[in-house]
Amino acid sequence: SQRRLIECLRTGAERFGWNRRIATPAQQ
């Protein structure tokens, strides 16, 4: 009926500053 999962994911990533995450573990 409604499915806006992608918008939730991208909105959250932008608001949280997900782009600052270092993908390799134990680096920060």
mmCIF file of all heavy atoms, coordinates in Angstrom:
data_MODEL
# 
_entry.id   MODEL 
# 
loop_
_atom_site.group_PDB 
_atom_site.id 
_atom_site.type_symbol 
_atom_site.label_atom_id 
_atom_site.label_alt_id 
_atom_site.label_comp_id 
_atom_site.label_asym_id 
_atom_site.label_entity_id 
_atom_site.label_seq_id 
_atom_site.pdbx_PDB_ins_code 
_atom_site.Cartn_x 
_atom_site.Cartn_y 
_atom_site.Cartn_z 
_atom_site.occupancy 
_atom_site.B_iso_or_equiv 
_atom_site.pdbx_formal_charge 
_atom_site.auth_seq_id 
_atom_site.auth_comp_id 
_atom_site.auth_asym_id 
_atom_site.auth_atom_id 
_atom_site.pdbx_PDB_model_num 
ATOM 1   N N   . SER A 1 1  ? 0.848  -1.194 0.000  1.00 0.00 ? 1  SER A N   1 
ATOM 2   C CA  . SER A 1 1  ? 0.000  0.000  0.000  1.00 0.00 ? 1  SER A CA  1 
ATOM 3   C C   . SER A 1 1  ? 0.885  1.246  0.000  1.00 0.00 ? 1  SER A C   1 
ATOM 4   O O   . SER A 1 1  ? 0.599  2.220  -0.704 1.00 0.00 ? 1  SER A O   1 
ATOM 5   C CB  . SER A 1 1  ? -0.927 0.001  1.212  1.00 0.00 ? 1  SER A CB  1 
ATOM 6   O OG  . SER A 1 1  ? -0.182 0.014  2.426  1.00 0.00 ? 1  SER A OG  1 
ATOM 7   N N   . GLN A 1 2  ? 1.926  1.235  0.781  1.00 0.00 ? 2  GLN A N   1 
ATOM 8   C CA  . GLN A 1 2  ? 2.965  2.266  0.794  1.00 0.00 ? 2  GLN A CA  1 
ATOM 9   C C   . GLN A 1 2  ? 4.262  1.579  1.187  1.00 0.00 ? 2  GLN A C   1 
ATOM 10  O O   . GLN A 1 2  ? 4.272  0.715  2.076  1.00 0.00 ? 2  GLN A O   1 
ATOM 11  C CB  . GLN A 1 2  ? 2.660  3.360  1.828  1.00 0.00 ? 2  GLN A CB  1 
ATOM 12  C CG  . GLN A 1 2  ? 1.421  4.181  1.571  1.00 0.00 ? 2  GLN A CG  1 
ATOM 13  C CD  . GLN A 1 2  ? 1.701  5.353  0.633  1.00 0.00 ? 2  GLN A CD  1 
ATOM 14  O OE1 . GLN A 1 2  ? 2.840  5.579  0.232  1.00 0.00 ? 2  GLN A OE1 1 
ATOM 15  N NE2 . GLN A 1 2  ? 0.665  6.085  0.289  1.00 0.00 ? 2  GLN A NE2 1 
ATOM 16  N N   . ARG A 1 3  ? 5.347  1.939  0.540  1.00 0.00 ? 3  ARG A N   1 
ATOM 17  C CA  . ARG A 1 3  ? 6.650  1.389  0.921  1.00 0.00 ? 3  ARG A CA  1 
ATOM 18  C C   . ARG A 1 3  ? 7.708  2.424  0.594  1.00 0.00 ? 3  ARG A C   1 
ATOM 19  O O   . ARG A 1 3  ? 8.103  2.583  -0.562 1.00 0.00 ? 3  ARG A O   1 
ATOM 20  C CB  . ARG A 1 3  ? 6.934  0.067  0.206  1.00 0.00 ? 3  ARG A CB  1 
ATOM 21  C CG  . ARG A 1 3  ? 8.291  -0.534 0.632  1.00 0.00 ? 3  ARG A CG  1 
ATOM 22  C CD  . ARG A 1 3  ? 8.592  -1.826 -0.079 1.00 0.00 ? 3  ARG A CD  1 
ATOM 23  N NE  . ARG A 1 3  ? 10.003 -2.162 0.068  1.00 0.00 ? 3  ARG A NE  1 
ATOM 24  C CZ  . ARG A 1 3  ? 10.471 -3.217 0.738  1.00 0.00 ? 3  ARG A CZ  1 
ATOM 25  N NH1 . ARG A 1 3  ? 9.631  -4.046 1.335  1.00 0.00 ? 3  ARG A NH1 1 
ATOM 26  N NH2 . ARG A 1 3  ? 11.767 -3.448 0.807  1.00 0.00 ? 3  ARG A NH2 1 
ATOM 27  N N   . ARG A 1 4  ? 8.175  3.130  1.611  1.00 0.00 ? 4  ARG A N   1 
ATOM 28  C CA  . ARG A 1 4  ? 9.160  4.192  1.417  1.00 0.00 ? 4  ARG A CA  1 
ATOM 29  C C   . ARG A 1 4  ? 10.433 3.883  2.193  1.00 0.00 ? 4  ARG A C   1 
ATOM 30  O O   . ARG A 1 4  ? 11.040 4.765  2.797  1.00 0.00 ? 4  ARG A O   1 
ATOM 31  C CB  . ARG A 1 4  ? 8.550  5.531  1.829  1.00 0.00 ? 4  ARG A CB  1 
ATOM 32  C CG  . ARG A 1 4  ? 7.331  5.893  0.986  1.00 0.00 ? 4  ARG A CG  1 
ATOM 33  C CD  . ARG A 1 4  ? 6.587  7.107  1.512  1.00 0.00 ? 4  ARG A CD  1 
ATOM 34  N NE  . ARG A 1 4  ? 7.376  8.317  1.371  1.00 0.00 ? 4  ARG A NE  1 
ATOM 35  C CZ  . ARG A 1 4  ? 7.001  9.507  1.884  1.00 0.00 ? 4  ARG A CZ  1 
ATOM 36  N NH1 . ARG A 1 4  ? 5.870  9.591  2.560  1.00 0.00 ? 4  ARG A NH1 1 
ATOM 37  N NH2 . ARG A 1 4  ? 7.764  10.570 1.732  1.00 0.00 ? 4  ARG A NH2 1 
ATOM 38  N N   . LEU A 1 5  ? 10.838 2.622  2.136  1.00 0.00 ? 5  LEU A N   1 
ATOM 39  C CA  . LEU A 1 5  ? 12.047 2.215  2.846  1.00 0.00 ? 5  LEU A CA  1 
ATOM 40  C C   . LEU A 1 5  ? 13.263 2.949  2.316  1.00 0.00 ? 5  LEU A C   1 
ATOM 41  O O   . LEU A 1 5  ? 14.113 3.409  3.088  1.00 0.00 ? 5  LEU A O   1 
ATOM 42  C CB  . LEU A 1 5  ? 12.234 0.703  2.728  1.00 0.00 ? 5  LEU A CB  1 
ATOM 43  C CG  . LEU A 1 5  ? 13.534 0.142  3.326  1.00 0.00 ? 5  LEU A CG  1 
ATOM 44  C CD1 . LEU A 1 5  ? 13.638 0.446  4.806  1.00 0.00 ? 5  LEU A CD1 1 
ATOM 45  C CD2 . LEU A 1 5  ? 13.647 -1.355 3.063  1.00 0.00 ? 5  LEU A CD2 1 
ATOM 46  N N   . ILE A 1 6  ? 13.377 3.076  1.000  1.00 0.00 ? 6  ILE A N   1 
ATOM 47  C CA  . ILE A 1 6  ? 14.557 3.744  0.436  1.00 0.00 ? 6  ILE A CA  1 
ATOM 48  C C   . ILE A 1 6  ? 14.646 5.178  0.933  1.00 0.00 ? 6  ILE A C   1 
ATOM 49  O O   . ILE A 1 6  ? 15.732 5.661  1.296  1.00 0.00 ? 6  ILE A O   1 
ATOM 50  C CB  . ILE A 1 6  ? 14.507 3.698  -1.108 1.00 0.00 ? 6  ILE A CB  1 
ATOM 51  C CG1 . ILE A 1 6  ? 14.725 2.269  -1.598 1.00 0.00 ? 6  ILE A CG1 1 
ATOM 52  C CG2 . ILE A 1 6  ? 15.558 4.633  -1.710 1.00 0.00 ? 6  ILE A CG2 1 
ATOM 53  C CD1 . ILE A 1 6  ? 14.640 2.117  -3.106 1.00 0.00 ? 6  ILE A CD1 1 
ATOM 54  N N   . GLU A 1 7  ? 13.518 5.863  0.992  1.00 0.00 ? 7  GLU A N   1 
ATOM 55  C CA  . GLU A 1 7  ? 13.540 7.247  1.474  1.00 0.00 ? 7  GLU A CA  1 
ATOM 56  C C   . GLU A 1 7  ? 13.950 7.308  2.941  1.00 0.00 ? 7  GLU A C   1 
ATOM 57  O O   . GLU A 1 7  ? 14.681 8.214  3.356  1.00 0.00 ? 7  GLU A O   1 
ATOM 58  C CB  . GLU A 1 7  ? 12.165 7.880  1.282  1.00 0.00 ? 7  GLU A CB  1 
ATOM 59  C CG  . GLU A 1 7  ? 12.146 9.367  1.548  1.00 0.00 ? 7  GLU A CG  1 
ATOM 60  C CD  . GLU A 1 7  ? 10.823 10.015 1.191  1.00 0.00 ? 7  GLU A CD  1 
ATOM 61  O OE1 . GLU A 1 7  ? 10.001 9.362  0.508  1.00 0.00 ? 7  GLU A OE1 1 
ATOM 62  O OE2 . GLU A 1 7  ? 10.608 11.173 1.597  1.00 0.00 ? 7  GLU A OE2 1 
ATOM 63  N N   . CYS A 1 8  ? 13.502 6.334  3.731  1.00 0.00 ? 8  CYS A N   1 
ATOM 64  C CA  . CYS A 1 8  ? 13.929 6.278  5.132  1.00 0.00 ? 8  CYS A CA  1 
ATOM 65  C C   . CYS A 1 8  ? 15.440 6.092  5.224  1.00 0.00 ? 8  CYS A C   1 
ATOM 66  O O   . CYS A 1 8  ? 16.129 6.773  6.003  1.00 0.00 ? 8  CYS A O   1 
ATOM 67  C CB  . CYS A 1 8  ? 13.222 5.142  5.856  1.00 0.00 ? 8  CYS A CB  1 
ATOM 68  S SG  . CYS A 1 8  ? 11.461 5.357  6.122  1.00 0.00 ? 8  CYS A SG  1 
ATOM 69  N N   . LEU A 1 9  ? 15.972 5.176  4.435  1.00 0.00 ? 9  LEU A N   1 
ATOM 70  C CA  . LEU A 1 9  ? 17.401 4.885  4.466  1.00 0.00 ? 9  LEU A CA  1 
ATOM 71  C C   . LEU A 1 9  ? 18.228 6.093  4.062  1.00 0.00 ? 9  LEU A C   1 
ATOM 72  O O   . LEU A 1 9  ? 19.200 6.468  4.735  1.00 0.00 ? 9  LEU A O   1 
ATOM 73  C CB  . LEU A 1 9  ? 17.711 3.714  3.543  1.00 0.00 ? 9  LEU A CB  1 
ATOM 74  C CG  . LEU A 1 9  ? 17.132 2.343  3.940  1.00 0.00 ? 9  LEU A CG  1 
ATOM 75  C CD1 . LEU A 1 9  ? 17.241 1.359  2.784  1.00 0.00 ? 9  LEU A CD1 1 
ATOM 76  C CD2 . LEU A 1 9  ? 17.840 1.798  5.177  1.00 0.00 ? 9  LEU A CD2 1 
ATOM 77  N N   . ARG A 1 10 ? 17.843 6.728  2.978  1.00 0.00 ? 10 ARG A N   1 
ATOM 78  C CA  . ARG A 1 10 ? 18.646 7.849  2.475  1.00 0.00 ? 10 ARG A CA  1 
ATOM 79  C C   . ARG A 1 10 ? 18.474 9.096  3.314  1.00 0.00 ? 10 ARG A C   1 
ATOM 80  O O   . ARG A 1 10 ? 19.432 9.859  3.518  1.00 0.00 ? 10 ARG A O   1 
ATOM 81  C CB  . ARG A 1 10 ? 18.296 8.088  1.009  1.00 0.00 ? 10 ARG A CB  1 
ATOM 82  C CG  . ARG A 1 10 ? 18.862 6.970  0.120  1.00 0.00 ? 10 ARG A CG  1 
ATOM 83  C CD  . ARG A 1 10 ? 18.600 7.174  -1.343 1.00 0.00 ? 10 ARG A CD  1 
ATOM 84  N NE  . ARG A 1 10 ? 19.417 6.241  -2.135 1.00 0.00 ? 10 ARG A NE  1 
ATOM 85  C CZ  . ARG A 1 10 ? 19.134 5.842  -3.352 1.00 0.00 ? 10 ARG A CZ  1 
ATOM 86  N NH1 . ARG A 1 10 ? 18.041 6.291  -3.958 1.00 0.00 ? 10 ARG A NH1 1 
ATOM 87  N NH2 . ARG A 1 10 ? 19.929 4.997  -3.991 1.00 0.00 ? 10 ARG A NH2 1 
ATOM 88  N N   . THR A 1 11 ? 17.277 9.324  3.811  1.00 0.00 ? 11 THR A N   1 
ATOM 89  C CA  . THR A 1 11 ? 17.069 10.462 4.706  1.00 0.00 ? 11 THR A CA  1 
ATOM 90  C C   . THR A 1 11 ? 17.899 10.293 5.967  1.00 0.00 ? 11 THR A C   1 
ATOM 91  O O   . THR A 1 11 ? 18.551 11.229 6.438  1.00 0.00 ? 11 THR A O   1 
ATOM 92  C CB  . THR A 1 11 ? 15.577 10.601 5.064  1.00 0.00 ? 11 THR A CB  1 
ATOM 93  O OG1 . THR A 1 11 ? 14.825 10.807 3.874  1.00 0.00 ? 11 THR A OG1 1 
ATOM 94  C CG2 . THR A 1 11 ? 15.343 11.759 6.029  1.00 0.00 ? 11 THR A CG2 1 
ATOM 95  N N   . GLY A 1 12 ? 17.875 9.083  6.529  1.00 0.00 ? 12 GLY A N   1 
ATOM 96  C CA  . GLY A 1 12 ? 18.652 8.823  7.732  1.00 0.00 ? 12 GLY A CA  1 
ATOM 97  C C   . GLY A 1 12 ? 20.140 8.948  7.509  1.00 0.00 ? 12 GLY A C   1 
ATOM 98  O O   . GLY A 1 12 ? 20.862 9.505  8.347  1.00 0.00 ? 12 GLY A O   1 
ATOM 99  N N   . ALA A 1 13 ? 20.611 8.416  6.397  1.00 0.00 ? 13 ALA A N   1 
ATOM 100 C CA  . ALA A 1 13 ? 22.045 8.490  6.100  1.00 0.00 ? 13 ALA A CA  1 
ATOM 101 C C   . ALA A 1 13 ? 22.512 9.933  5.997  1.00 0.00 ? 13 ALA A C   1 
ATOM 102 O O   . ALA A 1 13 ? 23.574 10.305 6.521  1.00 0.00 ? 13 ALA A O   1 
ATOM 103 C CB  . ALA A 1 13 ? 22.341 7.734  4.808  1.00 0.00 ? 13 ALA A CB  1 
ATOM 104 N N   . GLU A 1 14 ? 21.705 10.760 5.341  1.00 0.00 ? 14 GLU A N   1 
ATOM 105 C CA  . GLU A 1 14 ? 22.087 12.167 5.196  1.00 0.00 ? 14 GLU A CA  1 
ATOM 106 C C   . GLU A 1 14 ? 22.061 12.887 6.536  1.00 0.00 ? 14 GLU A C   1 
ATOM 107 O O   . GLU A 1 14 ? 22.989 13.624 6.882  1.00 0.00 ? 14 GLU A O   1 
ATOM 108 C CB  . GLU A 1 14 ? 21.140 12.854 4.215  1.00 0.00 ? 14 GLU A CB  1 
ATOM 109 C CG  . GLU A 1 14 ? 21.466 14.326 3.987  1.00 0.00 ? 14 GLU A CG  1 
ATOM 110 C CD  . GLU A 1 14 ? 20.525 14.977 2.985  1.00 0.00 ? 14 GLU A CD  1 
ATOM 111 O OE1 . GLU A 1 14 ? 19.617 14.301 2.470  1.00 0.00 ? 14 GLU A OE1 1 
ATOM 112 O OE2 . GLU A 1 14 ? 20.690 16.194 2.739  1.00 0.00 ? 14 GLU A OE2 1 
ATOM 113 N N   . ARG A 1 15 ? 20.987 12.680 7.300  1.00 0.00 ? 15 ARG A N   1 
ATOM 114 C CA  . ARG A 1 15 ? 20.861 13.387 8.576  1.00 0.00 ? 15 ARG A CA  1 
ATOM 115 C C   . ARG A 1 15 ? 21.914 12.937 9.580  1.00 0.00 ? 15 ARG A C   1 
ATOM 116 O O   . ARG A 1 15 ? 22.398 13.735 10.385 1.00 0.00 ? 15 ARG A O   1 
ATOM 117 C CB  . ARG A 1 15 ? 19.458 13.161 9.146  1.00 0.00 ? 15 ARG A CB  1 
ATOM 118 C CG  . ARG A 1 15 ? 19.197 13.853 10.482 1.00 0.00 ? 15 ARG A CG  1 
ATOM 119 C CD  . ARG A 1 15 ? 19.130 15.366 10.345 1.00 0.00 ? 15 ARG A CD  1 
ATOM 120 N NE  . ARG A 1 15 ? 17.970 15.748 9.564  1.00 0.00 ? 15 ARG A NE  1 
ATOM 121 C CZ  . ARG A 1 15 ? 16.781 16.029 10.104 1.00 0.00 ? 15 ARG A CZ  1 
ATOM 122 N NH1 . ARG A 1 15 ? 16.592 15.954 11.403 1.00 0.00 ? 15 ARG A NH1 1 
ATOM 123 N NH2 . ARG A 1 15 ? 15.772 16.396 9.326  1.00 0.00 ? 15 ARG A NH2 1 
ATOM 124 N N   . PHE A 1 16 ? 22.274 11.659 9.559  1.00 0.00 ? 16 PHE A N   1 
ATOM 125 C CA  . PHE A 1 16 ? 23.189 11.110 10.550 1.00 0.00 ? 16 PHE A CA  1 
ATOM 126 C C   . PHE A 1 16 ? 24.654 11.382 10.222 1.00 0.00 ? 16 PHE A C   1 
ATOM 127 O O   . PHE A 1 16 ? 25.517 11.238 11.076 1.00 0.00 ? 16 PHE A O   1 
ATOM 128 C CB  . PHE A 1 16 ? 22.965 9.603  10.664 1.00 0.00 ? 16 PHE A CB  1 
ATOM 129 C CG  . PHE A 1 16 ? 23.494 8.992  11.933 1.00 0.00 ? 16 PHE A CG  1 
ATOM 130 C CD1 . PHE A 1 16 ? 22.884 9.258  13.147 1.00 0.00 ? 16 PHE A CD1 1 
ATOM 131 C CD2 . PHE A 1 16 ? 24.582 8.127  11.910 1.00 0.00 ? 16 PHE A CD2 1 
ATOM 132 C CE1 . PHE A 1 16 ? 23.352 8.683  14.325 1.00 0.00 ? 16 PHE A CE1 1 
ATOM 133 C CE2 . PHE A 1 16 ? 25.060 7.546  13.079 1.00 0.00 ? 16 PHE A CE2 1 
ATOM 134 C CZ  . PHE A 1 16 ? 24.439 7.824  14.295 1.00 0.00 ? 16 PHE A CZ  1 
ATOM 135 N N   . GLY A 1 17 ? 24.919 11.784 8.987  1.00 0.00 ? 17 GLY A N   1 
ATOM 136 C CA  . GLY A 1 17 ? 26.309 11.929 8.578  1.00 0.00 ? 17 GLY A CA  1 
ATOM 137 C C   . GLY A 1 17 ? 26.964 10.595 8.294  1.00 0.00 ? 17 GLY A C   1 
ATOM 138 O O   . GLY A 1 17 ? 28.138 10.369 8.604  1.00 0.00 ? 17 GLY A O   1 
ATOM 139 N N   . TRP A 1 18 ? 26.205 9.694  7.674  1.00 0.00 ? 18 TRP A N   1 
ATOM 140 C CA  . TRP A 1 18 ? 26.695 8.350  7.373  1.00 0.00 ? 18 TRP A CA  1 
ATOM 141 C C   . TRP A 1 18 ? 27.910 8.374  6.452  1.00 0.00 ? 18 TRP A C   1 
ATOM 142 O O   . TRP A 1 18 ? 28.752 7.455  6.487  1.00 0.00 ? 18 TRP A O   1 
ATOM 143 C CB  . TRP A 1 18 ? 25.558 7.550  6.760  1.00 0.00 ? 18 TRP A CB  1 
ATOM 144 C CG  . TRP A 1 18 ? 25.844 6.112  6.478  1.00 0.00 ? 18 TRP A CG  1 
ATOM 145 C CD1 . TRP A 1 18 ? 26.035 5.543  5.256  1.00 0.00 ? 18 TRP A CD1 1 
ATOM 146 C CD2 . TRP A 1 18 ? 25.946 5.043  7.424  1.00 0.00 ? 18 TRP A CD2 1 
ATOM 147 N NE1 . TRP A 1 18 ? 26.246 4.192  5.375  1.00 0.00 ? 18 TRP A NE1 1 
ATOM 148 C CE2 . TRP A 1 18 ? 26.201 3.850  6.703  1.00 0.00 ? 18 TRP A CE2 1 
ATOM 149 C CE3 . TRP A 1 18 ? 25.848 4.969  8.810  1.00 0.00 ? 18 TRP A CE3 1 
ATOM 150 C CZ2 . TRP A 1 18 ? 26.358 2.614  7.316  1.00 0.00 ? 18 TRP A CZ2 1 
ATOM 151 C CZ3 . TRP A 1 18 ? 26.013 3.728  9.435  1.00 0.00 ? 18 TRP A CZ3 1 
ATOM 152 C CH2 . TRP A 1 18 ? 26.257 2.583  8.682  1.00 0.00 ? 18 TRP A CH2 1 
ATOM 153 N N   . ASN A 1 19 ? 28.044 9.408  5.645  1.00 0.00 ? 19 ASN A N   1 
ATOM 154 C CA  . ASN A 1 19 ? 29.169 9.484  4.714  1.00 0.00 ? 19 ASN A CA  1 
ATOM 155 C C   . ASN A 1 19 ? 30.509 9.620  5.435  1.00 0.00 ? 19 ASN A C   1 
ATOM 156 O O   . ASN A 1 19 ? 31.565 9.421  4.838  1.00 0.00 ? 19 ASN A O   1 
ATOM 157 C CB  . ASN A 1 19 ? 28.969 10.636 3.720  1.00 0.00 ? 19 ASN A CB  1 
ATOM 158 C CG  . ASN A 1 19 ? 28.906 11.995 4.403  1.00 0.00 ? 19 ASN A CG  1 
ATOM 159 O OD1 . ASN A 1 19 ? 28.549 12.097 5.575  1.00 0.00 ? 19 ASN A OD1 1 
ATOM 160 N ND2 . ASN A 1 19 ? 29.246 13.038 3.672  1.00 0.00 ? 19 ASN A ND2 1 
ATOM 161 N N   . ARG A 1 20 ? 30.474 9.961  6.722  1.00 0.00 ? 20 ARG A N   1 
ATOM 162 C CA  . ARG A 1 20 ? 31.715 10.069 7.501  1.00 0.00 ? 20 ARG A CA  1 
ATOM 163 C C   . ARG A 1 20 ? 32.143 8.728  8.090  1.00 0.00 ? 20 ARG A C   1 
ATOM 164 O O   . ARG A 1 20 ? 33.212 8.631  8.689  1.00 0.00 ? 20 ARG A O   1 
ATOM 165 C CB  . ARG A 1 20 ? 31.535 11.089 8.630  1.00 0.00 ? 20 ARG A CB  1 
ATOM 166 C CG  . ARG A 1 20 ? 31.248 12.504 8.136  1.00 0.00 ? 20 ARG A CG  1 
ATOM 167 C CD  . ARG A 1 20 ? 31.422 13.527 9.237  1.00 0.00 ? 20 ARG A CD  1 
ATOM 168 N NE  . ARG A 1 20 ? 30.505 13.313 10.358 1.00 0.00 ? 20 ARG A NE  1 
ATOM 169 C CZ  . ARG A 1 20 ? 29.283 13.813 10.435 1.00 0.00 ? 20 ARG A CZ  1 
ATOM 170 N NH1 . ARG A 1 20 ? 28.812 14.555 9.433  1.00 0.00 ? 20 ARG A NH1 1 
ATOM 171 N NH2 . ARG A 1 20 ? 28.525 13.586 11.484 1.00 0.00 ? 20 ARG A NH2 1 
ATOM 172 N N   . ARG A 1 21 ? 31.324 7.707  7.928  1.00 0.00 ? 21 ARG A N   1 
ATOM 173 C CA  . ARG A 1 21 ? 31.655 6.382  8.452  1.00 0.00 ? 21 ARG A CA  1 
ATOM 174 C C   . ARG A 1 21 ? 32.828 5.799  7.676  1.00 0.00 ? 21 ARG A C   1 
ATOM 175 O O   . ARG A 1 21 ? 32.889 5.850  6.450  1.00 0.00 ? 21 ARG A O   1 
ATOM 176 C CB  . ARG A 1 21 ? 30.441 5.461  8.325  1.00 0.00 ? 21 ARG A CB  1 
ATOM 177 C CG  . ARG A 1 21 ? 30.709 3.980  8.593  1.00 0.00 ? 21 ARG A CG  1 
ATOM 178 C CD  . ARG A 1 21 ? 29.438 3.198  8.362  1.00 0.00 ? 21 ARG A CD  1 
ATOM 179 N NE  . ARG A 1 21 ? 29.595 1.762  8.465  1.00 0.00 ? 21 ARG A NE  1 
ATOM 180 C CZ  . ARG A 1 21 ? 29.894 0.947  7.467  1.00 0.00 ? 21 ARG A CZ  1 
ATOM 181 N NH1 . ARG A 1 21 ? 30.065 1.457  6.249  1.00 0.00 ? 21 ARG A NH1 1 
ATOM 182 N NH2 . ARG A 1 21 ? 30.010 -0.353 7.656  1.00 0.00 ? 21 ARG A NH2 1 
ATOM 183 N N   . ILE A 1 22 ? 33.760 5.207  8.407  1.00 0.00 ? 22 ILE A N   1 
ATOM 184 C CA  . ILE A 1 22 ? 34.885 4.499  7.794  1.00 0.00 ? 22 ILE A CA  1 
ATOM 185 C C   . ILE A 1 22 ? 34.479 3.035  7.669  1.00 0.00 ? 22 ILE A C   1 
ATOM 186 O O   . ILE A 1 22 ? 34.193 2.366  8.669  1.00 0.00 ? 22 ILE A O   1 
ATOM 187 C CB  . ILE A 1 22 ? 36.157 4.647  8.637  1.00 0.00 ? 22 ILE A CB  1 
ATOM 188 C CG1 . ILE A 1 22 ? 36.528 6.134  8.767  1.00 0.00 ? 22 ILE A CG1 1 
ATOM 189 C CG2 . ILE A 1 22 ? 37.303 3.857  8.020  1.00 0.00 ? 22 ILE A CG2 1 
ATOM 190 C CD1 . ILE A 1 22 ? 37.689 6.390  9.719  1.00 0.00 ? 22 ILE A CD1 1 
ATOM 191 N N   . ALA A 1 23 ? 34.440 2.532  6.448  1.00 0.00 ? 23 ALA A N   1 
ATOM 192 C CA  . ALA A 1 23 ? 33.915 1.189  6.218  1.00 0.00 ? 23 ALA A CA  1 
ATOM 193 C C   . ALA A 1 23 ? 34.773 0.112  6.860  1.00 0.00 ? 23 ALA A C   1 
ATOM 194 O O   . ALA A 1 23 ? 34.254 -0.886 7.374  1.00 0.00 ? 23 ALA A O   1 
ATOM 195 C CB  . ALA A 1 23 ? 33.782 0.938  4.715  1.00 0.00 ? 23 ALA A CB  1 
ATOM 196 N N   . THR A 1 24 ? 36.086 0.295  6.849  1.00 0.00 ? 24 THR A N   1 
ATOM 197 C CA  . THR A 1 24 ? 36.974 -0.700 7.459  1.00 0.00 ? 24 THR A CA  1 
ATOM 198 C C   . THR A 1 24 ? 36.847 -0.627 8.972  1.00 0.00 ? 24 THR A C   1 
ATOM 199 O O   . THR A 1 24 ? 36.986 0.452  9.555  1.00 0.00 ? 24 THR A O   1 
ATOM 200 C CB  . THR A 1 24 ? 38.431 -0.444 7.051  1.00 0.00 ? 24 THR A CB  1 
ATOM 201 O OG1 . THR A 1 24 ? 38.518 -0.436 5.626  1.00 0.00 ? 24 THR A OG1 1 
ATOM 202 C CG2 . THR A 1 24 ? 39.348 -1.511 7.632  1.00 0.00 ? 24 THR A CG2 1 
ATOM 203 N N   . PRO A 1 25 ? 36.581 -1.749 9.637  1.00 0.00 ? 25 PRO A N   1 
ATOM 204 C CA  . PRO A 1 25 ? 36.363 -1.705 11.085 1.00 0.00 ? 25 PRO A CA  1 
ATOM 205 C C   . PRO A 1 25 ? 37.613 -1.298 11.858 1.00 0.00 ? 25 PRO A C   1 
ATOM 206 O O   . PRO A 1 25 ? 38.750 -1.422 11.382 1.00 0.00 ? 25 PRO A O   1 
ATOM 207 C CB  . PRO A 1 25 ? 35.959 -3.152 11.421 1.00 0.00 ? 25 PRO A CB  1 
ATOM 208 C CG  . PRO A 1 25 ? 35.508 -3.750 10.141 1.00 0.00 ? 25 PRO A CG  1 
ATOM 209 C CD  . PRO A 1 25 ? 36.314 -3.075 9.076  1.00 0.00 ? 25 PRO A CD  1 
ATOM 210 N N   . ALA A 1 26 ? 37.377 -0.782 13.073 1.00 0.00 ? 26 ALA A N   1 
ATOM 211 C CA  . ALA A 1 26 ? 38.418 -0.482 14.066 1.00 0.00 ? 26 ALA A CA  1 
ATOM 212 C C   . ALA A 1 26 ? 39.420 0.559  13.579 1.00 0.00 ? 26 ALA A C   1 
ATOM 213 O O   . ALA A 1 26 ? 40.600 0.486  13.906 1.00 0.00 ? 26 ALA A O   1 
ATOM 214 C CB  . ALA A 1 26 ? 39.138 -1.773 14.481 1.00 0.00 ? 26 ALA A CB  1 
ATOM 215 N N   . GLN A 1 27 ? 38.949 1.546  12.824 1.00 0.00 ? 27 GLN A N   1 
ATOM 216 C CA  . GLN A 1 27 ? 39.843 2.569  12.276 1.00 0.00 ? 27 GLN A CA  1 
ATOM 217 C C   . GLN A 1 27 ? 39.656 3.947  12.895 1.00 0.00 ? 27 GLN A C   1 
ATOM 218 O O   . GLN A 1 27 ? 40.472 4.829  12.680 1.00 0.00 ? 27 GLN A O   1 
ATOM 219 C CB  . GLN A 1 27 ? 39.625 2.677  10.758 1.00 0.00 ? 27 GLN A CB  1 
ATOM 220 C CG  . GLN A 1 27 ? 39.950 1.421  9.994  1.00 0.00 ? 27 GLN A CG  1 
ATOM 221 C CD  . GLN A 1 27 ? 41.389 0.991  10.203 1.00 0.00 ? 27 GLN A CD  1 
ATOM 222 O OE1 . GLN A 1 27 ? 42.335 1.748  9.949  1.00 0.00 ? 27 GLN A OE1 1 
ATOM 223 N NE2 . GLN A 1 27 ? 41.567 -0.236 10.675 1.00 0.00 ? 27 GLN A NE2 1 
ATOM 224 N N   . GLN A 1 28 ? 38.587 4.128  13.658 1.00 0.00 ? 28 GLN A N   1 
ATOM 225 C CA  . GLN A 1 28 ? 38.319 5.465  14.189 1.00 0.00 ? 28 GLN A CA  1 
ATOM 226 C C   . GLN A 1 28 ? 38.425 5.443  15.705 1.00 0.00 ? 28 GLN A C   1 
ATOM 227 O O   . GLN A 1 28 ? 37.831 4.606  16.376 1.00 0.00 ? 28 GLN A O   1 
ATOM 228 C CB  . GLN A 1 28 ? 36.930 5.948  13.775 1.00 0.00 ? 28 GLN A CB  1 
ATOM 229 C CG  . GLN A 1 28 ? 36.643 7.392  14.204 1.00 0.00 ? 28 GLN A CG  1 
ATOM 230 C CD  . GLN A 1 28 ? 35.311 7.893  13.664 1.00 0.00 ? 28 GLN A CD  1 
ATOM 231 O OE1 . GLN A 1 28 ? 34.665 7.220  12.878 1.00 0.00 ? 28 GLN A OE1 1 
ATOM 232 N NE2 . GLN A 1 28 ? 34.915 9.079  14.088 1.00 0.00 ? 28 GLN A NE2 1 
# 
